[in-house]
Amino acid sequence: MTSAEAITVSSSTSILRGRTAALVLVAPALAVVGLFFVAPLGMSAVVAFRGKDGAFTLEHFAKAFDFYTTDLLFTLAIVLLSTLLIGLAAIAIAGYLTLGGHPRTVAILRWLYRWPLFIPFVVAGQLMRTFLAKNGMLNHVLIGSGLIEPLSAQSLLDWRGIVVAFVWKQAPFVTLLLAGAMASIESQHIEAARNLGAKRLRVLVDIVLPQVRGTLLVGVVLSFVTMLSVLSVPLMINPNSPTMMTVDVAYRISTHADYPVANALCLLSLALAAIGAVFYLRHAVASAERG
């Protein structure tokens, strides 16, 4: 064997060892994904498309659309509205943390806004039940401040309560991502805009946001998908019709033991989540092409 052949064999062996080591490192993660995500998804698809005789059928999806079309549209509307408000809240908070002119206010806000990150959705739902009820804390504060009359107090335990709970819970997550991205922007860009007389809002919209829109998109897409899967908040705040699809899935299973329709509803939720994924991937591909 010549020296060139020996070098080639040695290089091939090194590459093979490197690939083997990489596969060994990622194998546990792949196993977890396959066991807890891919396998349940495949089983759900089989049950949703299989009739009583074992043949392929779409009757479960027809039944789901017949019974729950309103809830499907309600879910999409709630999640889209919440996602929009989460994005706006995150931009406002992260923008003030980055551009705010009062250090003490910035420090207090930085300390406060993270609290909902450590609160589970089920606890958030219970908090909103006591906060937004007709005799809850919000109405007590408004009445005590003289802003409304006692007879004018009303409960917000409906679609508005779901939106408030989602925004309160998810906005800190997106804010944390966005504030970190804004902090990494080179300060001379901001200082140059300020020296030219740009106001803070103009700097935020024209200078800062274009540089962190990828991070913002990641945050809102993750929040969009997360809110589609939450059961506790709509179940505790607004279980009546129309309600979100997670409540419908729980109802089909717990009340009727109707797993085929429940799985069909889950696949429809997956299709809604895919909307956010497609939107993000198109943006990522367009950004890569521009780069």
Protein backbone atom coordinates (compact mmCIF):
# COMPACT_ATOMS: atom_id res chain seq x y z
CA MET A 1 0.00 0.00 0.00
CA THR A 2 1.38 3.34 -1.03
CA SER A 3 1.59 6.30 1.31
CA ALA A 4 -1.21 8.08 -0.58
CA GLU A 5 -3.50 5.08 -0.20
CA ALA A 6 -2.62 4.82 3.49
CA ILE A 7 -3.49 8.49 3.98
CA THR A 8 -6.81 7.98 2.15
CA VAL A 9 -7.71 4.95 4.28
CA SER A 10 -6.75 6.79 7.47
CA SER A 11 -8.84 9.80 6.46
CA SER A 12 -11.86 7.60 5.66
CA THR A 13 -11.51 5.82 8.99
CA SER A 14 -11.39 9.15 10.85
CA ILE A 15 -14.47 10.39 9.05
CA LEU A 16 -16.31 7.13 9.82
CA ARG A 17 -15.35 7.35 13.48
CA GLY A 18 -16.50 10.98 13.59
CA ARG A 19 -19.87 10.08 12.09
CA THR A 20 -20.27 7.16 14.48
CA ALA A 21 -19.49 9.38 17.45
CA ALA A 22 -21.98 11.99 16.21
CA LEU A 23 -24.70 9.33 15.83
CA VAL A 24 -24.00 8.04 19.33
CA LEU A 25 -24.33 11.55 20.74
CA VAL A 26 -27.64 12.31 19.01
CA ALA A 27 -29.11 8.82 19.47
CA PRO A 28 -30.69 9.56 22.91
CA ALA A 29 -32.36 12.71 21.60
CA LEU A 30 -33.60 10.90 18.51
CA ALA A 31 -34.92 8.07 20.68
CA VAL A 32 -36.86 10.52 22.87
CA VAL A 33 -38.31 12.28 19.83
CA GLY A 34 -39.26 8.98 18.22
CA LEU A 35 -40.74 7.48 21.38
CA PHE A 36 -42.67 10.46 22.72
CA PHE A 37 -43.53 12.41 19.54
CA VAL A 38 -43.28 10.42 16.31
CA ALA A 39 -44.78 7.18 17.63
CA PRO A 40 -47.81 8.82 19.32
CA LEU A 41 -48.38 10.93 16.20
CA GLY A 42 -48.37 7.81 14.03
CA MET A 43 -50.76 6.00 16.38
CA SER A 44 -53.05 9.03 16.43
CA ALA A 45 -53.12 9.15 12.64
CA VAL A 46 -53.92 5.44 12.43
CA VAL A 47 -56.83 5.71 14.88
CA ALA A 48 -58.19 8.87 13.22
CA PHE A 49 -58.28 7.35 9.75
CA ARG A 50 -59.44 3.84 10.69
CA GLY A 51 -63.10 2.87 10.71
CA LYS A 52 -64.84 0.28 12.85
CA ASP A 53 -64.17 -2.36 10.20
CA GLY A 54 -60.49 -1.45 10.07
CA ALA A 55 -60.73 0.18 6.64
CA PHE A 56 -59.62 3.69 5.74
CA THR A 57 -62.28 6.32 6.45
CA LEU A 58 -62.77 10.05 6.81
CA GLU A 59 -65.94 9.77 8.88
CA HIS A 60 -64.18 10.84 12.08
CA PHE A 61 -62.99 14.07 10.45
CA ALA A 62 -66.47 14.64 9.02
CA LYS A 63 -67.92 14.22 12.51
CA ALA A 64 -65.29 16.56 13.96
CA PHE A 65 -66.09 19.25 11.38
CA ASP A 66 -69.82 18.73 11.85
CA PHE A 67 -69.69 19.17 15.62
CA TYR A 68 -66.71 21.45 16.16
CA THR A 69 -66.23 23.79 13.17
CA THR A 70 -67.19 26.78 15.34
CA ASP A 71 -64.72 25.71 18.02
CA LEU A 72 -62.02 25.25 15.40
CA LEU A 73 -62.50 28.82 14.15
CA PHE A 74 -62.80 30.09 17.72
CA THR A 75 -59.49 28.43 18.61
CA LEU A 76 -57.75 29.91 15.60
CA ALA A 77 -59.12 33.39 16.34
CA ILE A 78 -58.15 33.26 20.03
CA VAL A 79 -54.63 32.02 19.33
CA LEU A 80 -54.00 34.51 16.51
CA LEU A 81 -55.26 37.45 18.61
CA SER A 82 -53.20 36.31 21.60
CA THR A 83 -50.11 35.89 19.41
CA LEU A 84 -50.50 39.41 18.04
CA LEU A 85 -50.89 40.91 21.51
CA ILE A 86 -47.98 38.87 22.84
CA GLY A 87 -45.76 40.21 20.07
CA LEU A 88 -46.80 43.81 20.74
CA ALA A 89 -46.33 43.43 24.51
CA ALA A 90 -42.92 41.82 24.05
CA ILE A 91 -41.79 44.58 21.68
CA ALA A 92 -42.94 47.27 24.10
CA ILE A 93 -41.29 45.72 27.17
CA ALA A 94 -38.06 44.64 25.45
CA GLY A 95 -37.86 48.02 23.68
CA TYR A 96 -38.13 49.89 26.96
CA LEU A 97 -35.57 47.60 28.59
CA THR A 98 -33.18 48.42 25.75
CA LEU A 99 -33.94 52.08 25.13
CA GLY A 100 -35.50 53.24 28.41
CA GLY A 101 -34.06 56.39 29.93
CA HIS A 102 -34.89 55.72 33.59
CA PRO A 103 -32.51 53.11 35.04
CA ARG A 104 -34.60 52.49 38.16
CA THR A 105 -37.78 51.89 36.12
CA VAL A 106 -35.86 49.59 33.78
CA ALA A 107 -34.50 47.61 36.75
CA ILE A 108 -37.97 47.23 38.30
CA LEU A 109 -39.50 46.19 34.99
CA ARG A 110 -36.68 43.70 34.34
CA TRP A 111 -37.38 42.16 37.75
CA LEU A 112 -41.17 42.04 37.40
CA TYR A 113 -41.85 40.90 33.87
CA ARG A 114 -40.25 37.45 34.30
CA TRP A 115 -42.52 36.21 37.08
CA PRO A 116 -45.14 34.51 34.85
CA LEU A 117 -42.37 32.40 33.30
CA PHE A 118 -42.28 30.23 36.41
CA ILE A 119 -46.05 29.81 36.78
CA PRO A 120 -47.73 26.75 35.18
CA PHE A 121 -50.74 27.28 32.92
CA VAL A 122 -53.06 25.59 35.41
CA VAL A 123 -52.04 28.08 38.09
CA ALA A 124 -52.38 30.94 35.61
CA GLY A 125 -55.91 29.79 34.84
CA GLN A 126 -56.84 29.77 38.52
CA LEU A 127 -55.28 33.20 39.04
CA MET A 128 -57.34 34.62 36.20
CA ARG A 129 -60.51 33.06 37.61
CA THR A 130 -60.06 35.03 40.82
CA PHE A 131 -58.79 38.16 39.06
CA LEU A 132 -61.33 38.48 36.22
CA ALA A 133 -64.50 37.21 37.90
CA LYS A 134 -67.43 39.57 38.49
CA ASN A 135 -66.49 39.80 42.16
CA GLY A 136 -62.78 39.44 41.44
CA MET A 137 -59.83 41.65 42.22
CA LEU A 138 -59.99 43.63 38.97
CA ASN A 139 -63.54 44.83 39.53
CA HIS A 140 -62.83 45.54 43.20
CA VAL A 141 -59.92 47.78 42.19
CA LEU A 142 -61.97 49.55 39.50
CA ILE A 143 -64.89 50.11 41.89
CA GLY A 144 -62.60 51.27 44.68
CA SER A 145 -60.94 53.71 42.31
CA GLY A 146 -64.31 55.11 41.24
CA LEU A 147 -63.77 54.16 37.60
CA ILE A 148 -66.93 52.03 37.42
CA GLU A 149 -70.13 51.64 39.42
CA PRO A 150 -70.74 48.37 41.33
CA LEU A 151 -73.70 47.56 39.07
CA SER A 152 -71.47 47.99 36.00
CA ALA A 153 -69.05 45.26 37.08
CA GLN A 154 -68.99 42.30 34.71
CA SER A 155 -67.18 39.02 34.47
CA LEU A 156 -64.40 38.59 31.93
CA LEU A 157 -64.41 34.82 32.23
CA ASP A 158 -65.02 34.27 28.53
CA TRP A 159 -62.86 34.58 25.43
CA ARG A 160 -61.39 37.80 26.84
CA GLY A 161 -60.19 35.97 29.92
CA ILE A 162 -58.48 33.32 27.78
CA VAL A 163 -56.67 36.01 25.80
CA VAL A 164 -55.59 37.84 28.96
CA ALA A 165 -54.28 34.61 30.49
CA PHE A 166 -52.36 33.65 27.35
CA VAL A 167 -50.81 37.09 26.92
CA TRP A 168 -49.88 37.36 30.61
CA LYS A 169 -48.27 33.91 30.56
CA GLN A 170 -46.47 33.95 27.20
CA ALA A 171 -45.42 37.60 26.78
CA PRO A 172 -42.50 37.26 29.26
CA PHE A 173 -41.12 34.30 27.30
CA VAL A 174 -41.05 36.25 24.02
CA THR A 175 -39.78 39.34 25.85
CA LEU A 176 -36.86 37.38 27.28
CA LEU A 177 -35.82 36.20 23.82
CA LEU A 178 -36.33 39.62 22.28
CA ALA A 179 -34.55 41.57 25.01
CA GLY A 180 -31.52 39.31 24.68
CA ALA A 181 -31.45 39.84 20.91
CA MET A 182 -31.81 43.62 21.33
CA ALA A 183 -29.00 43.69 23.88
CA SER A 184 -26.65 42.10 21.33
CA ILE A 185 -27.18 44.88 18.78
CA GLU A 186 -24.16 47.13 18.35
CA SER A 187 -24.80 50.26 20.37
CA GLN A 188 -23.34 52.61 17.76
CA HIS A 189 -26.34 52.00 15.51
CA ILE A 190 -28.68 53.22 18.22
CA GLU A 191 -26.44 56.08 19.24
CA ALA A 192 -26.09 57.25 15.63
CA ALA A 193 -29.86 57.36 15.22
CA ARG A 194 -30.26 59.28 18.46
CA ASN A 195 -27.56 61.76 17.47
CA LEU A 196 -29.53 62.45 14.30
CA GLY A 197 -32.56 63.34 16.43
CA ALA A 198 -34.59 60.12 16.17
CA LYS A 199 -37.05 59.50 19.00
CA ARG A 200 -37.02 56.24 20.96
CA LEU A 201 -40.05 54.89 19.11
CA ARG A 202 -38.47 55.66 15.74
CA VAL A 203 -35.22 53.99 16.82
CA LEU A 204 -37.15 50.93 17.98
CA VAL A 205 -39.19 50.58 14.80
CA ASP A 206 -36.59 51.52 12.19
CA ILE A 207 -33.29 50.43 13.74
CA VAL A 208 -33.82 47.79 16.41
CA LEU A 209 -36.79 45.69 15.23
CA PRO A 210 -35.46 44.94 11.72
CA GLN A 211 -32.37 43.40 13.32
CA VAL A 212 -34.28 41.16 15.75
CA ARG A 213 -37.34 40.18 13.71
CA GLY A 214 -36.03 36.62 13.35
CA THR A 215 -35.93 36.21 17.12
CA LEU A 216 -39.37 37.81 17.42
CA LEU A 217 -40.75 35.38 14.85
CA VAL A 218 -39.30 32.40 16.70
CA GLY A 219 -40.88 33.57 19.96
CA VAL A 220 -44.36 34.19 18.56
CA VAL A 221 -44.39 30.92 16.59
CA LEU A 222 -43.42 28.96 19.71
CA SER A 223 -46.12 30.79 21.67
CA PHE A 224 -48.67 30.10 18.90
CA VAL A 225 -47.95 26.37 19.04
CA THR A 226 -47.90 26.31 22.85
CA MET A 227 -51.29 28.01 23.18
CA LEU A 228 -52.88 25.51 20.79
CA SER A 229 -52.00 22.71 23.22
CA VAL A 230 -53.15 24.31 26.50
CA LEU A 231 -56.13 22.65 28.17
CA SER A 232 -56.25 24.11 31.68
CA VAL A 233 -56.77 27.78 30.77
CA PRO A 234 -59.83 27.42 28.47
CA LEU A 235 -61.24 24.65 30.67
CA MET A 236 -61.07 26.81 33.80
CA ILE A 237 -62.02 30.15 32.25
CA ASN A 238 -64.45 29.38 29.41
CA PRO A 239 -65.54 25.72 29.14
CA ASN A 240 -68.84 26.63 27.47
CA SER A 241 -69.44 26.65 23.71
CA PRO A 242 -67.70 27.98 21.75
CA THR A 243 -64.50 26.85 23.39
CA MET A 244 -61.05 25.74 22.35
CA MET A 245 -60.31 22.41 20.70
CA THR A 246 -58.31 21.07 23.65
CA VAL A 247 -61.52 21.15 25.71
CA ASP A 248 -63.34 19.31 22.93
CA VAL A 249 -60.67 16.61 22.86
CA ALA A 250 -60.91 16.15 26.62
CA TYR A 251 -64.71 16.01 26.36
CA ARG A 252 -64.72 13.35 23.62
CA ILE A 253 -62.37 11.18 25.67
CA SER A 254 -63.73 11.64 29.19
CA THR A 255 -67.46 11.68 28.34
CA HIS A 256 -67.84 9.54 25.22
CA ALA A 257 -64.56 7.56 25.11
CA ASP A 258 -64.56 8.55 21.44
CA TYR A 259 -60.86 8.25 20.68
CA PRO A 260 -61.15 8.34 16.86
CA VAL A 261 -62.85 11.76 16.84
CA ALA A 262 -60.51 12.98 19.59
CA ASN A 263 -57.52 11.97 17.47
CA ALA A 264 -59.06 13.65 14.43
CA LEU A 265 -59.35 16.87 16.44
CA CYS A 266 -55.72 16.50 17.52
CA LEU A 267 -54.61 16.17 13.89
CA LEU A 268 -56.61 19.29 13.03
CA SER A 269 -54.78 21.11 15.83
CA LEU A 270 -51.53 19.85 14.34
CA ALA A 271 -52.58 21.31 10.98
CA LEU A 272 -53.14 24.69 12.67
CA ALA A 273 -49.71 24.46 14.29
CA ALA A 274 -48.24 23.70 10.88
CA ILE A 275 -49.43 27.13 9.73
CA GLY A 276 -47.01 28.75 12.15
CA ALA A 277 -44.24 26.34 11.16
CA VAL A 278 -44.70 27.04 7.44
CA PHE A 279 -44.74 30.79 8.08
CA TYR A 280 -41.50 30.55 10.07
CA LEU A 281 -39.76 28.30 7.53
CA ARG A 282 -40.67 30.61 4.63
CA HIS A 283 -39.25 33.55 6.55
CA ALA A 284 -36.10 31.60 7.44
CA VAL A 285 -35.54 30.53 3.83
CA ALA A 286 -36.11 34.08 2.56
CA SER A 287 -33.66 35.45 5.13
CA ALA A 288 -31.07 32.83 4.15
CA GLU A 289 -31.44 33.72 0.47
CA ARG A 290 -31.02 37.42 1.23
CA GLY A 291 -28.00 36.66 3.38
